[in-house]
C-alpha cells in the first residue's frame, strides 16, 4: 500500500485496519476512517483521539454529511 506516500494523496479513506493505520501515521496523511469490525473501531478511535483522523459510519453516511465533515476538518488545518 505504498501509494499513500505519493505527494498527490491528500486524504486516505480506509476501514482502519492496522496496516493502513501504521502507514498513514508514518507518512502523516490525514485519514477518513469507516471502521467495520474487529479491531478497526478501536484503531480509528485511537486516531480520532489523537486528532489524526475523522471517523464516519459506513452504513449511515450520506453525501452532505461526508462533504460537511471533510470541509470542517479541512478548515481546521
PDB file of N, CA and C in Angstrom:
ATOM      1  N   UNK A   1       0.823  -1.194   0.000  1.00  0.00           N
ATOM      2  CA  UNK A   1       0.000   0.000   0.000  1.00  0.00           C
ATOM      3  C   UNK A   1       0.865   1.255   0.000  1.00  0.00           C
ATOM      4  N   UNK A   2       1.877   1.289  -0.813  1.00  0.00           N
ATOM      5  CA  UNK A   2       2.794   2.413  -0.805  1.00  0.00           C
ATOM      6  C   UNK A   2       2.261   3.625  -1.561  1.00  0.00           C
ATOM      7  N   UNK A   3       1.058   3.545  -2.093  1.00  0.00           N
ATOM      8  CA  UNK A   3       0.506   4.701  -2.803  1.00  0.00           C
ATOM      9  C   UNK A   3       0.236   5.855  -1.857  1.00  0.00           C
ATOM     10  N   UNK A   4       0.105   5.597  -0.570  1.00  0.00           N
ATOM     11  CA  UNK A   4      -0.181   6.651   0.402  1.00  0.00           C
ATOM     12  C   UNK A   4       0.959   7.666   0.469  1.00  0.00           C
ATOM     13  N   UNK A   5       2.165   7.258   0.124  1.00  0.00           N
ATOM     14  CA  UNK A   5       3.290   8.191   0.177  1.00  0.00           C
ATOM     15  C   UNK A   5       3.371   9.096  -1.049  1.00  0.00           C
ATOM     16  N   UNK A   6       2.522   8.865  -2.037  1.00  0.00           N
ATOM     17  CA  UNK A   6       2.542   9.707  -3.231  1.00  0.00           C
ATOM     18  C   UNK A   6       2.170  11.139  -2.843  1.00  0.00           C
ATOM     19  N   UNK A   7       2.874  12.143  -3.353  1.00  0.00           N
ATOM     20  CA  UNK A   7       2.626  13.530  -2.945  1.00  0.00           C
ATOM     21  C   UNK A   7       1.242  14.056  -3.312  1.00  0.00           C
ATOM     22  N   UNK A   8       0.548  13.419  -4.243  1.00  0.00           N
ATOM     23  CA  UNK A   8      -0.795  13.878  -4.602  1.00  0.00           C
ATOM     24  C   UNK A   8      -1.881  13.348  -3.672  1.00  0.00           C
ATOM     25  N   UNK A   9      -1.545  12.434  -2.781  1.00  0.00           N
ATOM     26  CA  UNK A   9      -2.533  11.894  -1.837  1.00  0.00           C
ATOM     27  C   UNK A   9      -2.754  12.936  -0.745  1.00  0.00           C
ATOM     28  N   UNK A  10      -3.986  13.420  -0.649  1.00  0.00           N
ATOM     29  CA  UNK A  10      -4.338  14.446   0.339  1.00  0.00           C
ATOM     30  C   UNK A  10      -5.177  13.881   1.475  1.00  0.00           C
ATOM     31  N   UNK A  11      -5.835  12.747   1.239  1.00  0.00           N
ATOM     32  CA  UNK A  11      -6.693  12.112   2.238  1.00  0.00           C
ATOM     33  C   UNK A  11      -6.715  10.625   1.951  1.00  0.00           C
ATOM     34  N   UNK A  12      -6.577   9.833   2.996  1.00  0.00           N
ATOM     35  CA  UNK A  12      -6.592   8.376   2.869  1.00  0.00           C
ATOM     36  C   UNK A  12      -7.886   7.873   3.487  1.00  0.00           C
ATOM     37  N   UNK A  13      -8.771   7.346   2.671  1.00  0.00           N
ATOM     38  CA  UNK A  13     -10.049   6.806   3.136  1.00  0.00           C
ATOM     39  C   UNK A  13      -9.879   5.300   3.282  1.00  0.00           C
ATOM     40  N   UNK A  14     -10.112   4.791   4.503  1.00  0.00           N
ATOM     41  CA  UNK A  14      -9.936   3.366   4.717  1.00  0.00           C
ATOM     42  C   UNK A  14     -10.821   2.842   5.834  1.00  0.00           C
ATOM     43  N   UNK A  15     -10.696   1.555   6.115  1.00  0.00           N
ATOM     44  CA  UNK A  15     -11.533   0.894   7.127  1.00  0.00           C
ATOM     45  C   UNK A  15     -10.874   0.845   8.501  1.00  0.00           C
ATOM     46  N   UNK A  16      -9.652   1.264   8.612  1.00  0.00           N
ATOM     47  CA  UNK A  16      -8.990   1.298   9.910  1.00  0.00           C
ATOM     48  C   UNK A  16      -8.223   0.047  10.260  1.00  0.00           C
ATOM     49  N   UNK A  17      -7.901  -0.759   9.265  1.00  0.00           N
ATOM     50  CA  UNK A  17      -7.043  -1.921   9.521  1.00  0.00           C
ATOM     51  C   UNK A  17      -5.675  -1.465   9.993  1.00  0.00           C
ATOM     52  N   UNK A  18      -5.045  -2.270  10.803  1.00  0.00           N
ATOM     53  CA  UNK A  18      -3.822  -1.838  11.470  1.00  0.00           C
ATOM     54  C   UNK A  18      -2.697  -1.510  10.489  1.00  0.00           C
ATOM     55  N   UNK A  19      -2.574  -2.239   9.392  1.00  0.00           N
ATOM     56  CA  UNK A  19      -1.511  -1.942   8.429  1.00  0.00           C
ATOM     57  C   UNK A  19      -1.690  -0.566   7.811  1.00  0.00           C
ATOM     58  N   UNK A  20      -2.923  -0.245   7.446  1.00  0.00           N
ATOM     59  CA  UNK A  20      -3.195   1.069   6.858  1.00  0.00           C
ATOM     60  C   UNK A  20      -3.002   2.172   7.885  1.00  0.00           C
ATOM     61  N   UNK A  21      -3.371   1.901   9.122  1.00  0.00           N
ATOM     62  CA  UNK A  21      -3.192   2.889  10.184  1.00  0.00           C
ATOM     63  C   UNK A  21      -1.704   3.194  10.371  1.00  0.00           C
ATOM     64  N   UNK A  22      -0.895   2.156  10.456  1.00  0.00           N
ATOM     65  CA  UNK A  22       0.549   2.367  10.609  1.00  0.00           C
ATOM     66  C   UNK A  22       1.114   3.175   9.447  1.00  0.00           C
ATOM     67  N   UNK A  23       0.715   2.820   8.237  1.00  0.00           N
ATOM     68  CA  UNK A  23       1.251   3.518   7.073  1.00  0.00           C
ATOM     69  C   UNK A  23       0.837   4.980   7.062  1.00  0.00           C
ATOM     70  N   UNK A  24      -0.435   5.252   7.333  1.00  0.00           N
ATOM     71  CA  UNK A  24      -0.915   6.634   7.315  1.00  0.00           C
ATOM     72  C   UNK A  24      -0.233   7.472   8.389  1.00  0.00           C
ATOM     73  N   UNK A  25      -0.062   6.913   9.578  1.00  0.00           N
ATOM     74  CA  UNK A  25       0.607   7.642  10.657  1.00  0.00           C
ATOM     75  C   UNK A  25       2.067   7.886  10.290  1.00  0.00           C
ATOM     76  N   UNK A  26       2.715   6.893   9.738  1.00  0.00           N
ATOM     77  CA  UNK A  26       4.117   7.014   9.362  1.00  0.00           C
ATOM     78  C   UNK A  26       4.327   8.099   8.315  1.00  0.00           C
ATOM     79  N   UNK A  27       3.421   8.176   7.356  1.00  0.00           N
ATOM     80  CA  UNK A  27       3.545   9.134   6.257  1.00  0.00           C
ATOM     81  C   UNK A  27       2.977  10.499   6.651  1.00  0.00           C
ATOM     82  N   UNK A  28       2.034  10.517   7.585  1.00  0.00           N
ATOM     83  CA  UNK A  28       1.435  11.777   8.021  1.00  0.00           C
ATOM     84  C   UNK A  28       0.257  12.222   7.179  1.00  0.00           C
ATOM     85  N   UNK A  29      -0.359  11.290   6.460  1.00  0.00           N
ATOM     86  CA  UNK A  29      -1.518  11.609   5.622  1.00  0.00           C
ATOM     87  C   UNK A  29      -2.782  11.596   6.487  1.00  0.00           C
ATOM     88  N   UNK A  30      -3.658  12.588   6.355  1.00  0.00           N
ATOM     89  CA  UNK A  30      -4.919  12.559   7.099  1.00  0.00           C
ATOM     90  C   UNK A  30      -5.764  11.361   6.662  1.00  0.00           C
ATOM     91  N   UNK A  31      -6.551  10.844   7.604  1.00  0.00           N
ATOM     92  CA  UNK A  31      -7.338   9.641   7.361  1.00  0.00           C
ATOM     93  C   UNK A  31      -8.814   9.924   7.610  1.00  0.00           C
ATOM     94  N   UNK A  32      -9.637   9.375   6.745  1.00  0.00           N
ATOM     95  CA  UNK A  32     -11.079   9.303   6.991  1.00  0.00           C
ATOM     96  C   UNK A  32     -11.395   7.834   7.155  1.00  0.00           C
ATOM     97  N   UNK A  33     -11.768   7.447   8.362  1.00  0.00           N
ATOM     98  CA  UNK A  33     -11.972   6.039   8.666  1.00  0.00           C
ATOM     99  C   UNK A  33     -13.430   5.637   8.668  1.00  0.00           C
ATOM    100  N   UNK A  34     -13.695   4.505   8.073  1.00  0.00           N
ATOM    101  CA  UNK A  34     -15.008   3.859   8.100  1.00  0.00           C
ATOM    102  C   UNK A  34     -14.825   2.471   8.721  1.00  0.00           C
ATOM    103  N   UNK A  35     -14.641   2.398  10.061  1.00  0.00           N
ATOM    104  CA  UNK A  35     -14.379   1.111  10.689  1.00  0.00           C
ATOM    105  C   UNK A  35     -15.595   0.190  10.589  1.00  0.00           C
ATOM    106  N   UNK A  36     -15.315  -1.090  10.374  1.00  0.00           N
ATOM    107  CA  UNK A  36     -16.394  -2.053  10.195  1.00  0.00           C
ATOM    108  C   UNK A  36     -16.463  -3.089  11.310  1.00  0.00           C
ATOM    109  N   UNK A  37     -15.349  -3.752  11.625  1.00  0.00           N
ATOM    110  CA  UNK A  37     -15.395  -4.815  12.627  1.00  0.00           C
ATOM    111  C   UNK A  37     -14.017  -5.133  13.181  1.00  0.00           C
ATOM    112  N   UNK A  38     -13.999  -6.057  14.140  1.00  0.00           N
ATOM    113  CA  UNK A  38     -12.786  -6.492  14.840  1.00  0.00           C
ATOM    114  C   UNK A  38     -12.064  -5.300  15.460  1.00  0.00           C
ATOM    115  N   UNK A  39     -10.798  -5.110  15.158  1.00  0.00           N
ATOM    116  CA  UNK A  39     -10.023  -4.060  15.820  1.00  0.00           C
ATOM    117  C   UNK A  39     -10.192  -2.690  15.166  1.00  0.00           C
ATOM    118  N   UNK A  40     -10.886  -2.617  14.053  1.00  0.00           N
ATOM    119  CA  UNK A  40     -10.963  -1.374  13.288  1.00  0.00           C
ATOM    120  C   UNK A  40     -11.575  -0.206  14.064  1.00  0.00           C
ATOM    121  N   UNK A  41     -12.697  -0.387  14.782  1.00  0.00           N
ATOM    122  CA  UNK A  41     -13.231   0.753  15.556  1.00  0.00           C
ATOM    123  C   UNK A  41     -12.235   1.273  16.598  1.00  0.00           C
ATOM    124  N   UNK A  42     -11.506   0.367  17.242  1.00  0.00           N
ATOM    125  CA  UNK A  42     -10.509   0.799  18.224  1.00  0.00           C
ATOM    126  C   UNK A  42      -9.367   1.540  17.541  1.00  0.00           C
ATOM    127  N   UNK A  43      -8.890   1.022  16.420  1.00  0.00           N
ATOM    128  CA  UNK A  43      -7.795   1.679  15.699  1.00  0.00           C
ATOM    129  C   UNK A  43      -8.187   3.087  15.275  1.00  0.00           C
ATOM    130  N   UNK A  44      -9.345   3.206  14.669  1.00  0.00           N
ATOM    131  CA  UNK A  44      -9.810   4.522  14.213  1.00  0.00           C
ATOM    132  C   UNK A  44     -10.089   5.432  15.403  1.00  0.00           C
ATOM    133  N   UNK A  45     -10.677   4.880  16.455  1.00  0.00           N
ATOM    134  CA  UNK A  45     -10.949   5.669  17.660  1.00  0.00           C
ATOM    135  C   UNK A  45      -9.682   6.243  18.271  1.00  0.00           C
ATOM    136  N   UNK A  46      -8.619   5.460  18.294  1.00  0.00           N
ATOM    137  CA  UNK A  46      -7.340   5.956  18.818  1.00  0.00           C
ATOM    138  C   UNK A  46      -6.812   7.110  17.975  1.00  0.00           C
ATOM    139  N   UNK A  47      -6.960   7.004  16.656  1.00  0.00           N
ATOM    140  CA  UNK A  47      -6.501   8.093  15.783  1.00  0.00           C
ATOM    141  C   UNK A  47      -7.382   9.332  15.923  1.00  0.00           C
ATOM    142  N   UNK A  48      -8.677   9.132  16.115  1.00  0.00           N
ATOM    143  CA  UNK A  48      -9.579  10.268  16.344  1.00  0.00           C
ATOM    144  C   UNK A  48      -9.166  10.986  17.633  1.00  0.00           C
ATOM    145  N   UNK A  49      -8.918  10.207  18.689  1.00  0.00           N
ATOM    146  CA  UNK A  49      -8.491  10.799  19.966  1.00  0.00           C
ATOM    147  C   UNK A  49      -7.193  11.582  19.826  1.00  0.00           C
ATOM    148  N   UNK A  50      -6.321  11.140  18.924  1.00  0.00           N
ATOM    149  CA  UNK A  50      -5.045  11.819  18.696  1.00  0.00           C
ATOM    150  C   UNK A  50      -5.176  12.996  17.733  1.00  0.00           C
ATOM    151  N   UNK A  51      -6.369  13.208  17.187  1.00  0.00           N
ATOM    152  CA  UNK A  51      -6.577  14.314  16.260  1.00  0.00           C
ATOM    153  C   UNK A  51      -6.054  14.071  14.863  1.00  0.00           C
ATOM    154  N   UNK A  52      -5.837  12.818  14.510  1.00  0.00           N
ATOM    155  CA  UNK A  52      -5.261  12.472  13.210  1.00  0.00           C
ATOM    156  C   UNK A  52      -6.293  11.986  12.200  1.00  0.00           C
ATOM    157  N   UNK A  53      -7.516  11.730  12.657  1.00  0.00           N
ATOM    158  CA  UNK A  53      -8.484  11.032  11.813  1.00  0.00           C
ATOM    159  C   UNK A  53      -9.888  11.553  12.050  1.00  0.00           C
ATOM    160  N   UNK A  54     -10.682  11.484  11.012  1.00  0.00           N
ATOM    161  CA  UNK A  54     -12.120  11.639  11.129  1.00  0.00           C
ATOM    162  C   UNK A  54     -12.727  10.257  10.964  1.00  0.00           C
ATOM    163  N   UNK A  55     -13.821  10.005  11.649  1.00  0.00           N
ATOM    164  CA  UNK A  55     -14.478   8.709  11.546  1.00  0.00           C
ATOM    165  C   UNK A  55     -15.939   8.916  11.174  1.00  0.00           C
ATOM    166  N   UNK A  56     -16.426   8.060  10.283  1.00  0.00           N
ATOM    167  CA  UNK A  56     -17.833   8.102   9.889  1.00  0.00           C
ATOM    168  C   UNK A  56     -18.358   6.675   9.820  1.00  0.00           C
ATOM    169  N   UNK A  57     -19.674   6.551   9.950  1.00  0.00           N
ATOM    170  CA  UNK A  57     -20.321   5.246   9.897  1.00  0.00           C
ATOM    171  C   UNK A  57     -20.696   4.934   8.452  1.00  0.00           C
ATOM    172  N   UNK A  58     -20.135   3.870   7.921  1.00  0.00           N
ATOM    173  CA  UNK A  58     -20.349   3.496   6.529  1.00  0.00           C
ATOM    174  C   UNK A  58     -21.817   3.230   6.214  1.00  0.00           C
ATOM    175  N   UNK A  59     -22.569   2.752   7.188  1.00  0.00           N
ATOM    176  CA  UNK A  59     -23.970   2.390   6.947  1.00  0.00           C
ATOM    177  C   UNK A  59     -24.914   3.584   6.979  1.00  0.00           C
ATOM    178  N   UNK A  60     -24.488   4.689   7.558  1.00  0.00           N
ATOM    179  CA  UNK A  60     -25.395   5.834   7.668  1.00  0.00           C
ATOM    180  C   UNK A  60     -24.882   7.094   6.987  1.00  0.00           C
ATOM    181  N   UNK A  61     -23.678   7.089   6.473  1.00  0.00           N
ATOM    182  CA  UNK A  61     -23.112   8.291   5.869  1.00  0.00           C
ATOM    183  C   UNK A  61     -23.886   8.655   4.604  1.00  0.00           C
ATOM    184  N   UNK A  62     -24.021   9.948   4.382  1.00  0.00           N
ATOM    185  CA  UNK A  62     -24.607  10.426   3.134  1.00  0.00           C
ATOM    186  C   UNK A  62     -23.705  11.522   2.566  1.00  0.00           C
ATOM    187  N   UNK A  63     -23.978  11.903   1.364  1.00  0.00           N
ATOM    188  CA  UNK A  63     -23.121  12.849   0.654  1.00  0.00           C
ATOM    189  C   UNK A  63     -22.946  14.156   1.427  1.00  0.00           C
ATOM    190  N   UNK A  64     -24.035  14.722   1.923  1.00  0.00           N
ATOM    191  CA  UNK A  64     -23.947  16.008   2.610  1.00  0.00           C
ATOM    192  C   UNK A  64     -23.128  15.918   3.889  1.00  0.00           C
ATOM    193  N   UNK A  65     -23.345  14.877   4.694  1.00  0.00           N
ATOM    194  CA  UNK A  65     -22.564  14.702   5.920  1.00  0.00           C
ATOM    195  C   UNK A  65     -21.085  14.520   5.595  1.00  0.00           C
ATOM    196  N   UNK A  66     -20.809  13.726   4.577  1.00  0.00           N
ATOM    197  CA  UNK A  66     -19.439  13.459   4.167  1.00  0.00           C
ATOM    198  C   UNK A  66     -18.741  14.760   3.779  1.00  0.00           C
ATOM    199  N   UNK A  67     -19.370  15.548   2.916  1.00  0.00           N
ATOM    200  CA  UNK A  67     -18.757  16.794   2.456  1.00  0.00           C
ATOM    201  C   UNK A  67     -18.624  17.807   3.591  1.00  0.00           C
ATOM    202  N   UNK A  68     -19.649  17.904   4.436  1.00  0.00           N
ATOM    203  CA  UNK A  68     -19.611  18.865   5.534  1.00  0.00           C
ATOM    204  C   UNK A  68     -18.501  18.534   6.529  1.00  0.00           C
ATOM    205  N   UNK A  69     -18.391  17.277   6.914  1.00  0.00           N
ATOM    206  CA  UNK A  69     -17.372  16.889   7.886  1.00  0.00           C
ATOM    207  C   UNK A  69     -15.972  17.105   7.324  1.00  0.00           C
ATOM    208  N   UNK A  70     -15.768  16.791   6.071  1.00  0.00           N
ATOM    209  CA  UNK A  70     -14.456  16.959   5.471  1.00  0.00           C
ATOM    210  C   UNK A  70     -14.103  18.421   5.264  1.00  0.00           C
ATOM    211  N   UNK A  71     -15.071  19.256   4.929  1.00  0.00           N
ATOM    212  CA  UNK A  71     -14.813  20.687   4.780  1.00  0.00           C
ATOM    213  C   UNK A  71     -14.471  21.301   6.130  1.00  0.00           C
ATOM    214  N   UNK A  72     -15.203  20.913   7.174  1.00  0.00           N
ATOM    215  CA  UNK A  72     -14.967  21.435   8.509  1.00  0.00           C
ATOM    216  C   UNK A  72     -13.560  21.062   8.981  1.00  0.00           C
ATOM    217  N   UNK A  73     -13.155  19.824   8.741  1.00  0.00           N
ATOM    218  CA  UNK A  73     -11.824  19.392   9.141  1.00  0.00           C
ATOM    219  C   UNK A  73     -10.760  20.112   8.320  1.00  0.00           C
ATOM    220  N   UNK A  74     -10.993  20.308   7.048  1.00  0.00           N
ATOM    221  CA  UNK A  74     -10.014  20.979   6.188  1.00  0.00           C
ATOM    222  C   UNK A  74      -9.769  22.412   6.654  1.00  0.00           C
ATOM    223  N   UNK A  75     -10.812  23.094   7.119  1.00  0.00           N
ATOM    224  CA  UNK A  75     -10.658  24.470   7.591  1.00  0.00           C
ATOM    225  C   UNK A  75      -9.836  24.532   8.871  1.00  0.00           C
ATOM    226  N   UNK A  76      -9.841  23.451   9.677  1.00  0.00           N
ATOM    227  CA  UNK A  76      -9.070  23.440  10.922  1.00  0.00           C
ATOM    228  C   UNK A  76      -7.588  23.295  10.668  1.00  0.00           C
ATOM    229  N   UNK A  77      -7.169  22.802   9.528  1.00  0.00           N
ATOM    230  CA  UNK A  77      -5.748  22.534   9.256  1.00  0.00           C
ATOM    231  C   UNK A  77      -5.016  23.783   8.865  1.00  0.00           C
TER     232      UNK A  77
END
